[in-house]
Amino acid sequence: MNFDIKRVKISVTVPKENLDEVRTAMCNKGAGIIGNYTFCSSSTKSIGTFIPNDKANPYIGEKNKLECVEEETLEVICDVEKVKTVIKELRKYHPYEEPAISIVPLIDETEFL
């Protein structure tokens, strides 16, 4: 069975204090639209861990030390043709040097009807 992927789910971990700014930036570029609704998103509390190496420029933490940060995992739906623009805007407003972004293709439920 072949599927025509038209939408994806974008997930990114964000420090709690930056969540609203990143969500707004992504949704202003077209993410988070589901039917007749805009700014649709979900966030889940999480704990992020990382060790910045000598070449890193960490927003939080110190080089070569394990850091644990209270974060939110932000998820939005996005049309495939808007992903590049949305990710560019996400990176512009996200405080991390290397945000943890995942993009998952979605199969439309009508493919199963």
C-alpha atoms as a PDB file:
ATOM      1  CA  MET A   1       0.000   0.000   0.000  1.00  0.00           C
ATOM      2  CA  ASN A   2       1.403   3.422  -0.952  1.00  0.00           C
ATOM      3  CA  PHE A   3       0.564   6.462   1.137  1.00  0.00           C
ATOM      4  CA  ASP A   4       0.565  10.089   0.077  1.00  0.00           C
ATOM      5  CA  ILE A   5       2.196  11.892   3.008  1.00  0.00           C
ATOM      6  CA  LYS A   6       0.776  15.409   3.232  1.00  0.00           C
ATOM      7  CA  ARG A   7       1.401  16.213   6.889  1.00  0.00           C
ATOM      8  CA  VAL A   8       3.993  15.550   9.564  1.00  0.00           C
ATOM      9  CA  LYS A   9       4.231  15.882  13.315  1.00  0.00           C
ATOM     10  CA  ILE A  10       7.102  18.088  14.469  1.00  0.00           C
ATOM     11  CA  SER A  11       8.344  17.525  18.019  1.00  0.00           C
ATOM     12  CA  VAL A  12      10.964  19.596  19.812  1.00  0.00           C
ATOM     13  CA  THR A  13      12.099  19.859  23.408  1.00  0.00           C
ATOM     14  CA  VAL A  14      12.102  23.420  24.748  1.00  0.00           C
ATOM     15  CA  PRO A  15      13.015  24.945  28.118  1.00  0.00           C
ATOM     16  CA  LYS A  16       9.774  25.799  29.953  1.00  0.00           C
ATOM     17  CA  GLU A  17      10.459  29.522  29.875  1.00  0.00           C
ATOM     18  CA  ASN A  18      10.778  29.520  26.057  1.00  0.00           C
ATOM     19  CA  LEU A  19       7.769  27.324  25.227  1.00  0.00           C
ATOM     20  CA  ASP A  20       5.251  30.033  24.332  1.00  0.00           C
ATOM     21  CA  GLU A  21       7.708  31.948  22.147  1.00  0.00           C
ATOM     22  CA  VAL A  22       8.710  28.835  20.160  1.00  0.00           C
ATOM     23  CA  ARG A  23       5.082  27.668  19.804  1.00  0.00           C
ATOM     24  CA  THR A  24       3.990  31.114  18.585  1.00  0.00           C
ATOM     25  CA  ALA A  25       6.859  31.305  16.088  1.00  0.00           C
ATOM     26  CA  MET A  26       6.041  27.869  14.635  1.00  0.00           C
ATOM     27  CA  CYS A  27       2.295  28.467  14.469  1.00  0.00           C
ATOM     28  CA  ASN A  28       2.735  31.918  12.907  1.00  0.00           C
ATOM     29  CA  LYS A  29       4.525  30.152  10.022  1.00  0.00           C
ATOM     30  CA  GLY A  30       1.675  27.673   9.467  1.00  0.00           C
ATOM     31  CA  ALA A  31       2.192  24.800  11.880  1.00  0.00           C
ATOM     32  CA  GLY A  32      -0.599  23.715  14.212  1.00  0.00           C
ATOM     33  CA  ILE A  33      -3.502  23.827  11.764  1.00  0.00           C
ATOM     34  CA  ILE A  34      -6.059  21.034  12.124  1.00  0.00           C
ATOM     35  CA  GLY A  35      -9.226  21.549  10.107  1.00  0.00           C
ATOM     36  CA  ASN A  36     -10.851  24.824  11.166  1.00  0.00           C
ATOM     37  CA  TYR A  37      -8.493  25.280  14.141  1.00  0.00           C
ATOM     38  CA  THR A  38      -5.140  27.066  14.347  1.00  0.00           C
ATOM     39  CA  PHE A  39      -2.393  27.154  17.001  1.00  0.00           C
ATOM     40  CA  CYS A  40      -3.118  23.496  17.799  1.00  0.00           C
ATOM     41  CA  SER A  41      -0.299  21.992  19.827  1.00  0.00           C
ATOM     42  CA  SER A  42       0.437  19.678  22.682  1.00  0.00           C
ATOM     43  CA  SER A  43       3.202  19.854  25.247  1.00  0.00           C
ATOM     44  CA  THR A  44       4.394  17.342  27.796  1.00  0.00           C
ATOM     45  CA  LYS A  45       6.709  17.986  30.706  1.00  0.00           C
ATOM     46  CA  SER A  46      10.043  16.225  30.336  1.00  0.00           C
ATOM     47  CA  ILE A  47      13.571  16.192  31.692  1.00  0.00           C
ATOM     48  CA  GLY A  48      16.293  16.724  29.107  1.00  0.00           C
ATOM     49  CA  THR A  49      19.876  15.628  29.692  1.00  0.00           C
ATOM     50  CA  PHE A  50      23.056  16.525  27.815  1.00  0.00           C
ATOM     51  CA  ILE A  51      26.789  17.083  28.162  1.00  0.00           C
ATOM     52  CA  PRO A  52      28.156  19.982  26.083  1.00  0.00           C
ATOM     53  CA  ASN A  53      31.600  19.180  24.676  1.00  0.00           C
ATOM     54  CA  ASP A  54      34.553  21.579  24.384  1.00  0.00           C
ATOM     55  CA  LYS A  55      33.280  22.975  21.060  1.00  0.00           C
ATOM     56  CA  ALA A  56      29.746  23.659  22.340  1.00  0.00           C
ATOM     57  CA  ASN A  57      28.314  27.035  23.281  1.00  0.00           C
ATOM     58  CA  PRO A  58      25.623  25.926  25.762  1.00  0.00           C
ATOM     59  CA  TYR A  59      22.616  28.096  26.550  1.00  0.00           C
ATOM     60  CA  ILE A  60      22.254  26.149  29.809  1.00  0.00           C
ATOM     61  CA  GLY A  61      24.940  24.259  31.697  1.00  0.00           C
ATOM     62  CA  GLU A  62      28.698  23.992  31.516  1.00  0.00           C
ATOM     63  CA  LYS A  63      31.020  22.283  29.073  1.00  0.00           C
ATOM     64  CA  ASN A  64      31.826  18.642  29.893  1.00  0.00           C
ATOM     65  CA  LYS A  65      29.271  18.444  32.739  1.00  0.00           C
ATOM     66  CA  LEU A  66      26.022  16.502  32.712  1.00  0.00           C
ATOM     67  CA  GLU A  67      23.039  18.846  32.767  1.00  0.00           C
ATOM     68  CA  CYS A  68      19.416  17.960  33.598  1.00  0.00           C
ATOM     69  CA  VAL A  69      16.831  20.525  32.495  1.00  0.00           C
ATOM     70  CA  GLU A  70      13.069  20.749  33.007  1.00  0.00           C
ATOM     71  CA  GLU A  71      11.698  21.042  29.492  1.00  0.00           C
ATOM     72  CA  GLU A  72       8.482  20.686  27.555  1.00  0.00           C
ATOM     73  CA  THR A  73       8.190  18.460  24.515  1.00  0.00           C
ATOM     74  CA  LEU A  74       6.198  20.558  22.046  1.00  0.00           C
ATOM     75  CA  GLU A  75       4.292  18.792  19.259  1.00  0.00           C
ATOM     76  CA  VAL A  76       2.507  20.330  16.269  1.00  0.00           C
ATOM     77  CA  ILE A  77       1.029  19.070  13.021  1.00  0.00           C
ATOM     78  CA  CYS A  78       2.384  20.670   9.856  1.00  0.00           C
ATOM     79  CA  ASP A  79       1.704  20.447   6.120  1.00  0.00           C
ATOM     80  CA  VAL A  80       4.735  19.020   4.310  1.00  0.00           C
ATOM     81  CA  GLU A  81       5.162  22.120   2.128  1.00  0.00           C
ATOM     82  CA  LYS A  82       5.505  24.334   5.232  1.00  0.00           C
ATOM     83  CA  VAL A  83       8.009  22.206   7.175  1.00  0.00           C
ATOM     84  CA  LYS A  84      11.172  23.946   5.944  1.00  0.00           C
ATOM     85  CA  THR A  85       9.802  27.405   6.834  1.00  0.00           C
ATOM     86  CA  VAL A  86       8.491  26.234  10.223  1.00  0.00           C
ATOM     87  CA  ILE A  87      11.815  24.574  11.169  1.00  0.00           C
ATOM     88  CA  LYS A  88      13.749  27.669  10.132  1.00  0.00           C
ATOM     89  CA  GLU A  89      11.518  29.798  12.392  1.00  0.00           C
ATOM     90  CA  LEU A  90      11.749  27.253  15.227  1.00  0.00           C
ATOM     91  CA  ARG A  91      15.561  27.494  15.124  1.00  0.00           C
ATOM     92  CA  LYS A  92      15.385  31.295  15.059  1.00  0.00           C
ATOM     93  CA  TYR A  93      13.454  31.430  18.348  1.00  0.00           C
ATOM     94  CA  HIS A  94      14.748  28.311  20.125  1.00  0.00           C
ATOM     95  CA  PRO A  95      17.484  29.149  22.648  1.00  0.00           C
ATOM     96  CA  TYR A  96      19.505  25.956  22.179  1.00  0.00           C
ATOM     97  CA  GLU A  97      22.457  25.728  19.837  1.00  0.00           C
ATOM     98  CA  GLU A  98      21.232  22.252  18.791  1.00  0.00           C
ATOM     99  CA  PRO A  99      17.503  21.753  19.495  1.00  0.00           C
ATOM    100  CA  ALA A 100      16.280  18.146  19.554  1.00  0.00           C
ATOM    101  CA  ILE A 101      13.828  18.127  16.628  1.00  0.00           C
ATOM    102  CA  SER A 102      12.001  15.104  15.251  1.00  0.00           C
ATOM    103  CA  ILE A 103       9.748  15.026  12.201  1.00  0.00           C
ATOM    104  CA  VAL A 104       7.369  12.087  11.813  1.00  0.00           C
ATOM    105  CA  PRO A 105       5.330  11.499   8.634  1.00  0.00           C
ATOM    106  CA  LEU A 106       1.592  11.116   9.254  1.00  0.00           C
ATOM    107  CA  ILE A 107      -0.818   8.904   7.369  1.00  0.00           C
ATOM    108  CA  ASP A 108      -4.193  10.576   6.867  1.00  0.00           C
ATOM    109  CA  GLU A 109      -7.034   8.573   8.367  1.00  0.00           C
ATOM    110  CA  THR A 110      -8.915   8.721   5.049  1.00  0.00           C
ATOM    111  CA  GLU A 111      -6.290   6.319   3.632  1.00  0.00           C
ATOM    112  CA  PHE A 112      -7.972   3.611   5.721  1.00  0.00           C
ATOM    113  CA  LEU A 113     -11.618   4.316   4.862  1.00  0.00           C
END
